[in-house]
Protein backbone atom coordinates (compact mmCIF):
# COMPACT_ATOMS: atom_id res chain seq x y z
CA UNK A 1 -54.54 42.18 -39.06
CA UNK A 2 -53.64 41.76 -42.57
CA UNK A 3 -50.61 39.42 -42.54
CA UNK A 4 -50.39 35.77 -43.18
CA UNK A 5 -51.64 33.47 -40.47
CA UNK A 6 -48.96 31.62 -38.44
CA UNK A 7 -50.25 28.25 -39.51
CA UNK A 8 -49.78 28.74 -43.21
CA UNK A 9 -46.35 29.18 -44.71
CA UNK A 10 -46.01 32.06 -47.04
CA UNK A 11 -43.71 32.38 -49.97
CA UNK A 12 -40.66 30.44 -51.08
CA UNK A 13 -38.77 30.83 -47.72
CA UNK A 14 -41.08 28.37 -45.95
CA UNK A 15 -39.31 25.19 -44.70
CA UNK A 16 -40.26 22.06 -46.62
CA UNK A 17 -41.79 19.31 -44.50
CA UNK A 18 -40.16 15.85 -44.39
CA UNK A 19 -41.92 13.28 -46.53
CA UNK A 20 -43.91 10.66 -44.67
CA UNK A 21 -42.06 7.28 -44.43
CA UNK A 22 -43.15 4.80 -47.01
CA UNK A 23 -44.00 1.15 -46.39
CA UNK A 24 -40.39 -0.15 -46.58
CA UNK A 25 -39.12 2.57 -44.24
CA UNK A 26 -41.94 1.87 -41.79
CA UNK A 27 -41.04 -1.81 -41.84
CA UNK A 28 -37.36 -1.04 -41.09
CA UNK A 29 -38.28 1.21 -38.16
CA UNK A 30 -40.66 -1.40 -36.76
CA UNK A 31 -38.05 -4.17 -37.17
CA UNK A 32 -35.38 -2.08 -35.39
CA UNK A 33 -37.76 -1.34 -32.49
CA UNK A 34 -38.74 -5.02 -32.21
CA UNK A 35 -35.07 -6.08 -32.15
CA UNK A 36 -34.27 -3.60 -29.36
CA UNK A 37 -37.24 -4.78 -27.30
CA UNK A 38 -36.26 -8.43 -27.78
CA UNK A 39 -32.68 -7.66 -26.78
CA UNK A 40 -33.88 -5.92 -23.60
CA UNK A 41 -36.19 -8.83 -22.73
CA UNK A 42 -33.34 -11.30 -23.34
CA UNK A 43 -30.94 -9.37 -21.09
CA UNK A 44 -33.55 -9.21 -18.33
CA UNK A 45 -34.21 -12.96 -18.65
CA UNK A 46 -30.46 -13.67 -18.50
CA UNK A 47 -30.12 -11.62 -15.30
CA UNK A 48 -33.02 -13.47 -13.68
CA UNK A 49 -31.49 -16.78 -14.71
CA UNK A 50 -28.11 -15.87 -13.17
CA UNK A 51 -29.77 -14.62 -10.00
CA UNK A 52 -31.55 -17.98 -9.66
CA UNK A 53 -28.24 -19.80 -10.02
CA UNK A 54 -26.84 -17.80 -7.14
CA UNK A 55 -24.25 -16.05 -9.20
CA UNK A 56 -23.88 -12.51 -10.25
CA UNK A 57 -21.62 -11.76 -13.08
CA UNK A 58 -19.40 -14.53 -14.28
CA UNK A 59 -15.68 -14.27 -13.98
CA UNK A 60 -13.82 -13.73 -17.20
CA UNK A 61 -10.32 -14.39 -18.39
CA UNK A 62 -8.91 -11.33 -16.65
CA UNK A 63 -8.41 -10.92 -12.91
CA UNK A 64 -10.87 -8.80 -11.01
CA UNK A 65 -11.72 -8.22 -7.34
CA UNK A 66 -13.82 -11.38 -7.09
CA UNK A 67 -11.07 -13.85 -7.96
CA UNK A 68 -9.58 -15.95 -5.15
CA UNK A 69 -6.25 -14.86 -3.69
CA UNK A 70 -3.29 -17.08 -2.85
CA UNK A 71 -3.11 -17.76 0.89
CA UNK A 72 0.03 -15.69 1.43
CA UNK A 73 -1.44 -12.68 -0.37
CA UNK A 74 -4.69 -12.98 1.60
CA UNK A 75 -2.82 -13.09 4.91
CA UNK A 76 -0.62 -10.13 3.95
CA UNK A 77 -3.71 -8.14 2.96
CA UNK A 78 -5.38 -9.00 6.29
CA UNK A 79 -2.26 -7.98 8.26
CA UNK A 80 -2.06 -4.67 6.41
CA UNK A 81 -5.78 -3.89 6.73
CA UNK A 82 -5.79 -4.58 10.48
CA UNK A 83 -2.49 -2.78 11.21
CA UNK A 84 -0.77 -5.90 12.53
CA UNK A 85 2.60 -5.36 10.82
CA UNK A 86 4.66 -4.94 14.01
CA UNK A 87 3.05 -7.81 15.98
CA UNK A 88 3.39 -10.11 12.97
CA UNK A 89 7.04 -9.17 12.57
CA UNK A 90 7.70 -9.84 16.25
CA UNK A 91 5.82 -13.13 15.91
CA UNK A 92 8.37 -14.10 13.28
CA UNK A 93 11.07 -13.58 15.90
CA UNK A 94 9.81 -16.60 17.83
CA UNK A 95 10.57 -18.87 14.88
CA UNK A 96 14.03 -17.38 14.36
CA UNK A 97 14.85 -16.89 18.05
CA UNK A 98 17.89 -19.24 18.00
CA UNK A 99 19.42 -17.40 15.02
CA UNK A 100 18.85 -14.00 16.62
CA UNK A 101 20.14 -14.66 20.15
CA UNK A 102 22.33 -17.73 19.63
CA UNK A 103 21.78 -21.42 20.31
CA UNK A 104 22.94 -21.38 23.97
CA UNK A 105 20.71 -18.51 25.03
CA UNK A 106 17.76 -19.86 23.02
CA UNK A 107 17.89 -23.18 24.91
CA UNK A 108 17.28 -21.38 28.22
CA UNK A 109 15.33 -18.21 27.33
CA UNK A 110 12.09 -18.10 25.29
CA UNK A 111 9.98 -15.09 24.17
CA UNK A 112 6.50 -15.39 25.68
CA UNK A 113 4.68 -12.12 24.94
CA UNK A 114 4.88 -8.86 22.99
CA UNK A 115 3.04 -5.73 24.12
CA UNK A 116 2.37 -3.55 21.05
CA UNK A 117 1.30 -0.46 23.00
CA UNK A 118 3.01 2.40 21.09
CA UNK A 119 4.33 3.94 24.32
CA UNK A 120 5.86 0.73 25.65
CA UNK A 121 6.57 -2.00 23.02
CA UNK A 122 7.90 -4.62 25.41
CA UNK A 123 9.12 -8.10 24.50
CA UNK A 124 8.77 -10.41 27.52
CA UNK A 125 11.22 -13.31 27.73
CA UNK A 126 11.00 -16.25 30.18
CA UNK A 127 14.26 -17.84 31.36
CA UNK A 128 14.60 -21.26 33.00
CA UNK A 129 17.11 -20.16 35.66
CA UNK A 130 18.14 -16.99 37.44
CA UNK A 131 21.65 -17.27 35.99
CA UNK A 132 20.30 -17.15 32.42
CA UNK A 133 17.89 -14.36 33.38
CA UNK A 134 20.82 -12.31 34.67
CA UNK A 135 22.79 -13.05 31.50
CA UNK A 136 19.84 -11.90 29.34
CA UNK A 137 19.43 -8.70 31.38
CA UNK A 138 23.07 -7.87 30.65
CA UNK A 139 22.59 -8.58 26.94
CA UNK A 140 19.23 -6.75 26.68
CA UNK A 141 20.50 -3.45 25.14
CA UNK A 142 22.45 -5.34 22.47
CA UNK A 143 19.50 -7.62 21.82
CA UNK A 144 17.09 -4.66 21.49
CA UNK A 145 19.41 -3.07 18.91
CA UNK A 146 19.65 -6.36 16.98
CA UNK A 147 15.85 -6.86 17.01
CA UNK A 148 15.18 -3.29 15.86
CA UNK A 149 17.74 -3.70 13.08
CA UNK A 150 15.92 -6.83 11.93
CA UNK A 151 12.30 -5.71 12.51
CA UNK A 152 12.43 -1.96 12.02
CA UNK A 153 13.38 0.95 14.24
CA UNK A 154 11.34 1.24 17.45
CA UNK A 155 9.59 -2.13 17.14
CA UNK A 156 11.00 -3.30 20.49
CA UNK A 157 11.99 -0.71 23.10
CA UNK A 158 12.41 -2.85 26.21
CA UNK A 159 13.04 -6.51 26.95
CA UNK A 160 11.37 -7.64 30.15
CA UNK A 161 13.12 -10.69 31.59
CA UNK A 162 11.21 -13.16 33.74
CA UNK A 163 13.05 -15.61 35.97
CA UNK A 164 11.98 -19.17 36.69
CA UNK A 165 9.63 -18.35 39.58
CA UNK A 166 7.82 -15.49 37.89
CA UNK A 167 5.90 -17.67 35.43
CA UNK A 168 2.41 -18.99 35.92
CA UNK A 169 1.88 -21.25 38.92
CA UNK A 170 1.71 -24.90 38.00
CA UNK A 171 -1.07 -27.04 39.32
CA UNK A 172 -0.42 -30.10 41.39
CA UNK A 173 0.28 -33.20 39.35
CA UNK A 174 0.57 -36.86 40.28
CA UNK A 175 4.34 -36.67 40.95
CA UNK A 176 4.40 -33.38 42.84
CA UNK A 177 5.58 -33.21 46.45
CA UNK A 178 3.25 -31.35 48.86
CA UNK A 179 4.37 -27.75 49.30
CA UNK A 180 6.56 -27.81 46.19
CA UNK A 181 6.89 -24.59 44.21
CA UNK A 182 7.77 -26.40 40.97
CA UNK A 183 11.13 -26.33 39.21
CA UNK A 184 11.82 -22.76 40.31
CA UNK A 185 11.99 -23.57 44.03
CA UNK A 186 15.58 -24.86 43.78
CA UNK A 187 16.97 -21.67 42.26
CA UNK A 188 17.91 -18.71 44.37
């Protein structure tokens, strides 16, 4: 083989090698490396310090997911996450019951339960006499339409009316006559 060896450059087309860094350049490179190492050690020490304090990152001036929510917003988020929109809306009916059905009917008939089963959606109402229970049964279709207009279509499909004797049995109290059925035993 009679060519030049691969280790030795031949002729003017050989690439010039970079000059070795001088003392000032070496000092700059060493200073930059020392600064980066110190910065990394400082960041690690800061993280350990925050972990000891029990905190993670500190909150800044802008809102993020860790900031506290107002009570109303927290409740609305909980209702939405759990899918409780319809039961919560019907729960609001209890507070506005006199405005929805009228003062006279509200004095004698009270909503007691809402069944949120998608096939049924029943609002159960307890009346204090059979006369008011009959009156509410006659008004039920109109009342269902009014409730669905207020709460959203299909929220309430049926109103189940309970008379005075169909409520829970009351225990005997100090002023109860033996054999008494409670206030419902005088209604027919």
